[in-house]
Amino acid sequence: MSGDKAESIILVAVHEEGIAALIHSNLVNTGFQVVHAGDAIGVLAKSRELKPALIVLDMMLPGIPGKEVLRTLKSTSGTSGTPVIVVSERSEEIDRIIALELGADDYVVKPFSPRELALRVRAILSRRSMQQPKPTRVSIGRLKLDLENRAVSVNGKPVELSALDYRLMTVLMTALGRVVSRDQLIESAWGSESEISTRTVDTQLRRLRAKLGSAAEQIETVRGFGYRLAE
């Protein structure tokens, strides 16, 4: 699977259950992991917690006007770079312009094809992936990853890791704080044809934490989703 698919969490903030269900099924069929938020407070909280790869934002969410939700997402350091696809009942040009000026990456008018929306999600993430240069060094909290020398250090001191541990650390650190699913960890560290269970992933992560000493707490378990590396 490519980097814009199964490891990517898509936050769907659409309050109509029927539409949300259709979006969910099409995104899952396209290879994404989907999380739902039914109101404005929910989307703001989950976007901070999960750092999704992309947000599908209904402009008619209960709680806070959609424009304010979008403005908040794009003005908050943790979510300002997260792409947002706006869905709205309004088809006037001025509404599109306002949403795009506030930072939306795309604007879809209801009723729309859930399959087309899934393809738009994939297209935006593919473009983002192609535009972003691959880092050679990544520092998060006490941890530093040197991809050129295949080395990991804690507080500047090298850590002895197995090849498997190094692959796991590479996936977690290059995700830059995003949640990485257990399935993605299996695919990247063991291989897509592997029959490794998610329990084996959890066991290996416990062993990896033990090797990281004071930085062990940076590997966070996100219940129901996977793992992420926090500062």
C-alpha atoms as a PDB file:
ATOM      1  CA  MET A   1       0.000   0.000   0.000  1.00  0.00           C
ATOM      2  CA  SER A   2       1.196   3.498  -0.746  1.00  0.00           C
ATOM      3  CA  GLY A   3       1.871   6.174   1.842  1.00  0.00           C
ATOM      4  CA  ASP A   4      -1.433   7.958   1.261  1.00  0.00           C
ATOM      5  CA  LYS A   5      -3.625   4.983   2.093  1.00  0.00           C
ATOM      6  CA  ALA A   6      -4.035   2.471   4.936  1.00  0.00           C
ATOM      7  CA  GLU A   7      -1.786   4.273   7.415  1.00  0.00           C
ATOM      8  CA  SER A   8      -3.741   7.516   6.932  1.00  0.00           C
ATOM      9  CA  ILE A   9      -6.538   8.487   9.300  1.00  0.00           C
ATOM     10  CA  ILE A  10      -9.279  10.556   7.681  1.00  0.00           C
ATOM     11  CA  LEU A  11     -11.423  12.576  10.086  1.00  0.00           C
ATOM     12  CA  VAL A  12     -14.973  12.798   8.730  1.00  0.00           C
ATOM     13  CA  ALA A  13     -16.919  15.615  10.375  1.00  0.00           C
ATOM     14  CA  VAL A  14     -20.372  15.240   8.841  1.00  0.00           C
ATOM     15  CA  HIS A  15     -23.449  15.336  11.067  1.00  0.00           C
ATOM     16  CA  GLU A  16     -25.937  13.491   8.798  1.00  0.00           C
ATOM     17  CA  GLU A  17     -25.500   9.827   9.729  1.00  0.00           C
ATOM     18  CA  GLY A  18     -26.540   8.489   6.305  1.00  0.00           C
ATOM     19  CA  ILE A  19     -24.060  10.652   4.412  1.00  0.00           C
ATOM     20  CA  ALA A  20     -21.335   9.951   6.976  1.00  0.00           C
ATOM     21  CA  ALA A  21     -21.898   6.195   6.568  1.00  0.00           C
ATOM     22  CA  LEU A  22     -21.572   6.408   2.776  1.00  0.00           C
ATOM     23  CA  ILE A  23     -18.394   8.465   3.050  1.00  0.00           C
ATOM     24  CA  HIS A  24     -17.045   5.981   5.600  1.00  0.00           C
ATOM     25  CA  SER A  25     -17.599   2.913   3.428  1.00  0.00           C
ATOM     26  CA  ASN A  26     -16.065   4.510   0.334  1.00  0.00           C
ATOM     27  CA  LEU A  27     -12.993   5.755   2.198  1.00  0.00           C
ATOM     28  CA  VAL A  28     -12.467   2.371   3.848  1.00  0.00           C
ATOM     29  CA  ASN A  29     -12.849   0.645   0.476  1.00  0.00           C
ATOM     30  CA  THR A  30     -10.232   3.032  -0.914  1.00  0.00           C
ATOM     31  CA  GLY A  31      -7.853   1.948   1.845  1.00  0.00           C
ATOM     32  CA  PHE A  32      -8.138   4.605   4.540  1.00  0.00           C
ATOM     33  CA  GLN A  33      -8.847   4.451   8.257  1.00  0.00           C
ATOM     34  CA  VAL A  34     -11.835   6.620   9.211  1.00  0.00           C
ATOM     35  CA  VAL A  35     -12.716   8.467  12.416  1.00  0.00           C
ATOM     36  CA  HIS A  36     -15.977  10.366  12.857  1.00  0.00           C
ATOM     37  CA  ALA A  37     -16.899  13.617  14.593  1.00  0.00           C
ATOM     38  CA  GLY A  38     -20.532  14.704  14.678  1.00  0.00           C
ATOM     39  CA  ASP A  39     -20.125  18.266  15.888  1.00  0.00           C
ATOM     40  CA  ALA A  40     -17.724  21.192  15.840  1.00  0.00           C
ATOM     41  CA  ILE A  41     -16.245  20.551  19.274  1.00  0.00           C
ATOM     42  CA  GLY A  42     -15.617  16.926  18.308  1.00  0.00           C
ATOM     43  CA  VAL A  43     -13.722  17.743  15.120  1.00  0.00           C
ATOM     44  CA  LEU A  44     -11.494  20.280  16.867  1.00  0.00           C
ATOM     45  CA  ALA A  45     -10.715  17.861  19.713  1.00  0.00           C
ATOM     46  CA  LYS A  46     -10.076  14.830  17.502  1.00  0.00           C
ATOM     47  CA  SER A  47      -7.973  16.799  15.044  1.00  0.00           C
ATOM     48  CA  ARG A  48      -5.654  17.780  17.911  1.00  0.00           C
ATOM     49  CA  GLU A  49      -5.609  14.277  19.402  1.00  0.00           C
ATOM     50  CA  LEU A  50      -5.190  12.155  16.268  1.00  0.00           C
ATOM     51  CA  LYS A  51      -3.497  14.546  13.821  1.00  0.00           C
ATOM     52  CA  PRO A  52      -5.409  13.052  10.869  1.00  0.00           C
ATOM     53  CA  ALA A  53      -3.956  13.041   7.376  1.00  0.00           C
ATOM     54  CA  LEU A  54      -7.024  14.908   6.063  1.00  0.00           C
ATOM     55  CA  ILE A  55     -10.328  16.297   7.358  1.00  0.00           C
ATOM     56  CA  VAL A  56     -13.671  16.167   5.565  1.00  0.00           C
ATOM     57  CA  LEU A  57     -15.525  19.113   7.093  1.00  0.00           C
ATOM     58  CA  ASP A  58     -19.266  19.752   6.854  1.00  0.00           C
ATOM     59  CA  MET A  59     -19.944  23.485   7.005  1.00  0.00           C
ATOM     60  CA  MET A  60     -23.248  22.852   8.793  1.00  0.00           C
ATOM     61  CA  LEU A  61     -21.920  21.092  11.900  1.00  0.00           C
ATOM     62  CA  PRO A  62     -23.794  21.744  15.157  1.00  0.00           C
ATOM     63  CA  GLY A  63     -22.106  23.918  17.758  1.00  0.00           C
ATOM     64  CA  ILE A  64     -19.874  26.383  15.905  1.00  0.00           C
ATOM     65  CA  PRO A  65     -20.306  27.858  12.395  1.00  0.00           C
ATOM     66  CA  GLY A  66     -18.337  25.898   9.802  1.00  0.00           C
ATOM     67  CA  LYS A  67     -16.318  28.944   8.769  1.00  0.00           C
ATOM     68  CA  GLU A  68     -15.114  29.361  12.353  1.00  0.00           C
ATOM     69  CA  VAL A  69     -14.185  25.687  12.601  1.00  0.00           C
ATOM     70  CA  LEU A  70     -12.176  25.958   9.387  1.00  0.00           C
ATOM     71  CA  ARG A  71     -10.559  29.202  10.536  1.00  0.00           C
ATOM     72  CA  THR A  72      -9.578  27.569  13.846  1.00  0.00           C
ATOM     73  CA  LEU A  73      -8.129  24.480  12.145  1.00  0.00           C
ATOM     74  CA  LYS A  74      -6.037  26.599   9.801  1.00  0.00           C
ATOM     75  CA  SER A  75      -4.795  28.983  12.495  1.00  0.00           C
ATOM     76  CA  THR A  76      -3.778  26.313  15.039  1.00  0.00           C
ATOM     77  CA  SER A  77      -0.184  25.119  14.839  1.00  0.00           C
ATOM     78  CA  GLY A  78      -1.024  21.419  15.189  1.00  0.00           C
ATOM     79  CA  THR A  79      -3.601  21.395  12.385  1.00  0.00           C
ATOM     80  CA  SER A  80      -2.739  24.344  10.132  1.00  0.00           C
ATOM     81  CA  GLY A  81      -1.028  22.058   7.621  1.00  0.00           C
ATOM     82  CA  THR A  82      -3.757  19.404   7.595  1.00  0.00           C
ATOM     83  CA  PRO A  83      -5.640  19.394   4.275  1.00  0.00           C
ATOM     84  CA  VAL A  84      -9.391  20.026   4.545  1.00  0.00           C
ATOM     85  CA  ILE A  85     -12.126  19.145   2.064  1.00  0.00           C
ATOM     86  CA  VAL A  86     -15.226  21.225   2.737  1.00  0.00           C
ATOM     87  CA  VAL A  87     -18.667  19.777   1.986  1.00  0.00           C
ATOM     88  CA  SER A  88     -21.565  22.207   1.858  1.00  0.00           C
ATOM     89  CA  GLU A  89     -25.111  22.691   0.651  1.00  0.00           C
ATOM     90  CA  ARG A  90     -24.151  26.125  -0.687  1.00  0.00           C
ATOM     91  CA  SER A  91     -23.129  26.217  -4.337  1.00  0.00           C
ATOM     92  CA  GLU A  92     -22.628  29.965  -4.752  1.00  0.00           C
ATOM     93  CA  GLU A  93     -19.229  31.129  -5.946  1.00  0.00           C
ATOM     94  CA  ILE A  94     -18.770  33.429  -2.950  1.00  0.00           C
ATOM     95  CA  ASP A  95     -19.091  30.490  -0.537  1.00  0.00           C
ATOM     96  CA  ARG A  96     -16.417  28.563  -2.430  1.00  0.00           C
ATOM     97  CA  ILE A  97     -14.125  31.595  -2.455  1.00  0.00           C
ATOM     98  CA  ILE A  98     -14.508  32.194   1.285  1.00  0.00           C
ATOM     99  CA  ALA A  99     -13.770  28.539   2.105  1.00  0.00           C
ATOM    100  CA  LEU A 100     -10.704  28.474  -0.152  1.00  0.00           C
ATOM    101  CA  GLU A 101      -9.453  31.786   1.250  1.00  0.00           C
ATOM    102  CA  LEU A 102      -9.760  30.336   4.763  1.00  0.00           C
ATOM    103  CA  GLY A 103      -7.486  27.486   3.707  1.00  0.00           C
ATOM    104  CA  ALA A 104      -9.748  24.708   2.393  1.00  0.00           C
ATOM    105  CA  ASP A 105      -8.036  22.448  -0.148  1.00  0.00           C
ATOM    106  CA  ASP A 106     -11.244  21.501  -1.967  1.00  0.00           C
ATOM    107  CA  TYR A 107     -14.955  22.339  -1.924  1.00  0.00           C
ATOM    108  CA  VAL A 108     -17.664  19.770  -2.636  1.00  0.00           C
ATOM    109  CA  VAL A 109     -21.345  20.648  -2.985  1.00  0.00           C
ATOM    110  CA  LYS A 110     -24.118  18.368  -1.689  1.00  0.00           C
ATOM    111  CA  PRO A 111     -25.408  16.075  -3.033  1.00  0.00           C
ATOM    112  CA  PHE A 112     -22.131  14.515  -4.136  1.00  0.00           C
ATOM    113  CA  SER A 113     -20.737  11.129  -5.048  1.00  0.00           C
ATOM    114  CA  PRO A 114     -19.054   9.505  -1.995  1.00  0.00           C
ATOM    115  CA  ARG A 115     -16.828   7.569  -4.386  1.00  0.00           C
ATOM    116  CA  GLU A 116     -15.694  10.788  -6.063  1.00  0.00           C
ATOM    117  CA  LEU A 117     -15.010  12.289  -2.636  1.00  0.00           C
ATOM    118  CA  ALA A 118     -12.794   9.306  -1.757  1.00  0.00           C
ATOM    119  CA  LEU A 119     -10.867   9.820  -4.999  1.00  0.00           C
ATOM    120  CA  ARG A 120     -10.424  13.517  -4.185  1.00  0.00           C
ATOM    121  CA  VAL A 121      -9.036  12.563  -0.768  1.00  0.00           C
ATOM    122  CA  ARG A 122      -6.553  10.196  -2.366  1.00  0.00           C
ATOM    123  CA  ALA A 123      -5.548  12.777  -4.985  1.00  0.00           C
ATOM    124  CA  ILE A 124      -4.857  15.493  -2.388  1.00  0.00           C
ATOM    125  CA  LEU A 125      -2.770  13.166  -0.214  1.00  0.00           C
ATOM    126  CA  SER A 126      -0.860  11.870  -3.240  1.00  0.00           C
ATOM    127  CA  ARG A 127       0.019  15.421  -4.283  1.00  0.00           C
ATOM    128  CA  ARG A 128       1.092  16.261  -0.731  1.00  0.00           C
ATOM    129  CA  SER A 129       3.303  13.186  -0.584  1.00  0.00           C
ATOM    130  CA  MET A 130       5.001  14.068  -3.867  1.00  0.00           C
ATOM    131  CA  GLN A 131       5.584  17.692  -2.836  1.00  0.00           C
ATOM    132  CA  GLN A 132       7.170  16.969   0.539  1.00  0.00           C
ATOM    133  CA  PRO A 133      10.923  16.249   0.509  1.00  0.00           C
ATOM    134  CA  LYS A 134      12.008  13.144   2.382  1.00  0.00           C
ATOM    135  CA  PRO A 135      13.927  14.076   5.545  1.00  0.00           C
ATOM    136  CA  THR A 136      17.328  12.532   6.258  1.00  0.00           C
ATOM    137  CA  ARG A 137      17.266  13.431   9.952  1.00  0.00           C
ATOM    138  CA  VAL A 138      14.266  13.627  12.263  1.00  0.00           C
ATOM    139  CA  SER A 139      14.302  14.864  15.872  1.00  0.00           C
ATOM    140  CA  ILE A 140      11.303  14.429  18.170  1.00  0.00           C
ATOM    141  CA  GLY A 141      11.754  15.136  21.862  1.00  0.00           C
ATOM    142  CA  ARG A 142      14.717  13.133  23.176  1.00  0.00           C
ATOM    143  CA  LEU A 143      14.855  10.971  20.053  1.00  0.00           C
ATOM    144  CA  LYS A 144      16.844  11.519  16.880  1.00  0.00           C
ATOM    145  CA  LEU A 145      16.692   9.414  13.716  1.00  0.00           C
ATOM    146  CA  ASP A 146      19.534   9.550  11.194  1.00  0.00           C
ATOM    147  CA  LEU A 147      18.297   7.858   8.021  1.00  0.00           C
ATOM    148  CA  GLU A 148      21.605   8.208   6.189  1.00  0.00           C
ATOM    149  CA  ASN A 149      23.508   6.306   8.860  1.00  0.00           C
ATOM    150  CA  ARG A 150      20.568   4.126   9.968  1.00  0.00           C
ATOM    151  CA  ALA A 151      21.011   5.255  13.561  1.00  0.00           C
ATOM    152  CA  VAL A 152      18.740   6.186  16.473  1.00  0.00           C
ATOM    153  CA  SER A 153      19.897   8.124  19.518  1.00  0.00           C
ATOM    154  CA  VAL A 154      18.367   9.238  22.836  1.00  0.00           C
ATOM    155  CA  ASN A 155      19.681  12.506  24.256  1.00  0.00           C
ATOM    156  CA  GLY A 156      22.564  12.252  21.803  1.00  0.00           C
ATOM    157  CA  LYS A 157      23.586   8.743  22.861  1.00  0.00           C
ATOM    158  CA  PRO A 158      23.292   5.904  20.276  1.00  0.00           C
ATOM    159  CA  VAL A 159      20.749   3.167  20.979  1.00  0.00           C
ATOM    160  CA  GLU A 160      21.446  -0.396  19.926  1.00  0.00           C
ATOM    161  CA  LEU A 161      18.422  -1.584  17.945  1.00  0.00           C
ATOM    162  CA  SER A 162      17.690  -4.669  15.901  1.00  0.00           C
ATOM    163  CA  ALA A 163      16.832  -4.242  12.209  1.00  0.00           C
ATOM    164  CA  LEU A 164      13.161  -4.755  13.099  1.00  0.00           C
ATOM    165  CA  ASP A 165      13.293  -2.148  15.859  1.00  0.00           C
ATOM    166  CA  TYR A 166      14.943   0.314  13.471  1.00  0.00           C
ATOM    167  CA  ARG A 167      12.220  -0.195  10.874  1.00  0.00           C
ATOM    168  CA  LEU A 168       9.545   0.413  13.517  1.00  0.00           C
ATOM    169  CA  MET A 169      11.291   3.572  14.710  1.00  0.00           C
ATOM    170  CA  THR A 170      11.619   4.824  11.136  1.00  0.00           C
ATOM    171  CA  VAL A 171       7.877   4.443  10.520  1.00  0.00           C
ATOM    172  CA  LEU A 172       6.934   6.125  13.801  1.00  0.00           C
ATOM    173  CA  MET A 173       9.395   9.012  13.548  1.00  0.00           C
ATOM    174  CA  THR A 174       8.803   9.874   9.892  1.00  0.00           C
ATOM    175  CA  ALA A 175       5.055   9.983  10.635  1.00  0.00           C
ATOM    176  CA  LEU A 176       5.928  13.182  12.548  1.00  0.00           C
ATOM    177  CA  GLY A 177       3.441  12.723  15.356  1.00  0.00           C
ATOM    178  CA  ARG A 178       0.610  11.188  13.334  1.00  0.00           C
ATOM    179  CA  VAL A 179      -1.008   7.969  14.469  1.00  0.00           C
ATOM    180  CA  VAL A 180       0.335   4.883  12.679  1.00  0.00           C
ATOM    181  CA  SER A 181      -1.997   1.907  12.532  1.00  0.00           C
ATOM    182  CA  ARG A 182      -0.878  -1.571  13.569  1.00  0.00           C
ATOM    183  CA  ASP A 183      -1.533  -2.751  10.012  1.00  0.00           C
ATOM    184  CA  GLN A 184       0.856  -0.128   8.642  1.00  0.00           C
ATOM    185  CA  LEU A 185       3.500  -1.111  11.169  1.00  0.00           C
ATOM    186  CA  ILE A 186       3.136  -4.737  10.093  1.00  0.00           C
ATOM    187  CA  GLU A 187       3.396  -3.814   6.407  1.00  0.00           C
ATOM    188  CA  SER A 188       6.397  -1.532   6.843  1.00  0.00           C
ATOM    189  CA  ALA A 189       8.370  -3.493   9.436  1.00  0.00           C
ATOM    190  CA  TRP A 190       7.516  -7.131   8.674  1.00  0.00           C
ATOM    191  CA  GLY A 191       6.196  -6.969   5.088  1.00  0.00           C
ATOM    192  CA  SER A 192       2.744  -7.004   3.489  1.00  0.00           C
ATOM    193  CA  GLU A 193       2.800 -10.774   3.033  1.00  0.00           C
ATOM    194  CA  SER A 194       3.558 -11.417   6.690  1.00  0.00           C
ATOM    195  CA  GLU A 195       1.045 -13.209   8.902  1.00  0.00           C
ATOM    196  CA  ILE A 196       2.102 -11.272  11.994  1.00  0.00           C
ATOM    197  CA  SER A 197      -0.750 -10.568  14.431  1.00  0.00           C
ATOM    198  CA  THR A 198      -1.473  -7.214  16.024  1.00  0.00           C
ATOM    199  CA  ARG A 199      -0.594  -8.797  19.394  1.00  0.00           C
ATOM    200  CA  THR A 200       2.925  -9.399  18.078  1.00  0.00           C
ATOM    201  CA  VAL A 201       3.129  -5.706  17.168  1.00  0.00           C
ATOM    202  CA  ASP A 202       2.190  -4.739  20.725  1.00  0.00           C
ATOM    203  CA  THR A 203       4.782  -7.128  22.161  1.00  0.00           C
ATOM    204  CA  GLN A 204       7.519  -5.759  19.899  1.00  0.00           C
ATOM    205  CA  LEU A 205       6.631  -2.177  20.804  1.00  0.00           C
ATOM    206  CA  ARG A 206       6.949  -3.016  24.509  1.00  0.00           C
ATOM    207  CA  ARG A 207      10.435  -4.407  23.839  1.00  0.00           C
ATOM    208  CA  LEU A 208      11.330  -1.330  21.804  1.00  0.00           C
ATOM    209  CA  ARG A 209      10.204   0.983  24.607  1.00  0.00           C
ATOM    210  CA  ALA A 210      12.465  -0.897  27.033  1.00  0.00           C
ATOM    211  CA  LYS A 211      15.472  -0.119  24.808  1.00  0.00           C
ATOM    212  CA  LEU A 212      14.713   3.610  24.611  1.00  0.00           C
ATOM    213  CA  GLY A 213      15.201   4.319  28.309  1.00  0.00           C
ATOM    214  CA  SER A 214      14.090   7.849  29.200  1.00  0.00           C
ATOM    215  CA  ALA A 215      12.425   8.264  25.780  1.00  0.00           C
ATOM    216  CA  ALA A 216      10.210   5.182  26.160  1.00  0.00           C
ATOM    217  CA  GLU A 217       7.191   7.275  27.129  1.00  0.00           C
ATOM    218  CA  GLN A 218       7.330   9.064  23.766  1.00  0.00           C
ATOM    219  CA  ILE A 219       5.818   5.996  22.063  1.00  0.00           C
ATOM    220  CA  GLU A 220       2.159   6.482  22.869  1.00  0.00           C
ATOM    221  CA  THR A 221      -0.581   3.909  22.411  1.00  0.00           C
ATOM    222  CA  VAL A 222      -3.694   5.440  20.844  1.00  0.00           C
ATOM    223  CA  ARG A 223      -6.439   3.044  21.868  1.00  0.00           C
ATOM    224  CA  GLY A 224      -8.350   1.603  18.936  1.00  0.00           C
ATOM    225  CA  PHE A 225      -5.999   3.088  16.320  1.00  0.00           C
ATOM    226  CA  GLY A 226      -2.318   2.290  16.789  1.00  0.00           C
ATOM    227  CA  TYR A 227       0.772   4.172  17.956  1.00  0.00           C
ATOM    228  CA  ARG A 228       2.373   7.558  17.588  1.00  0.00           C
ATOM    229  CA  LEU A 229       5.587   9.219  18.640  1.00  0.00           C
ATOM    230  CA  ALA A 230       4.991  12.247  20.845  1.00  0.00           C
ATOM    231  CA  GLU A 231       7.391  14.907  22.096  1.00  0.00           C
END
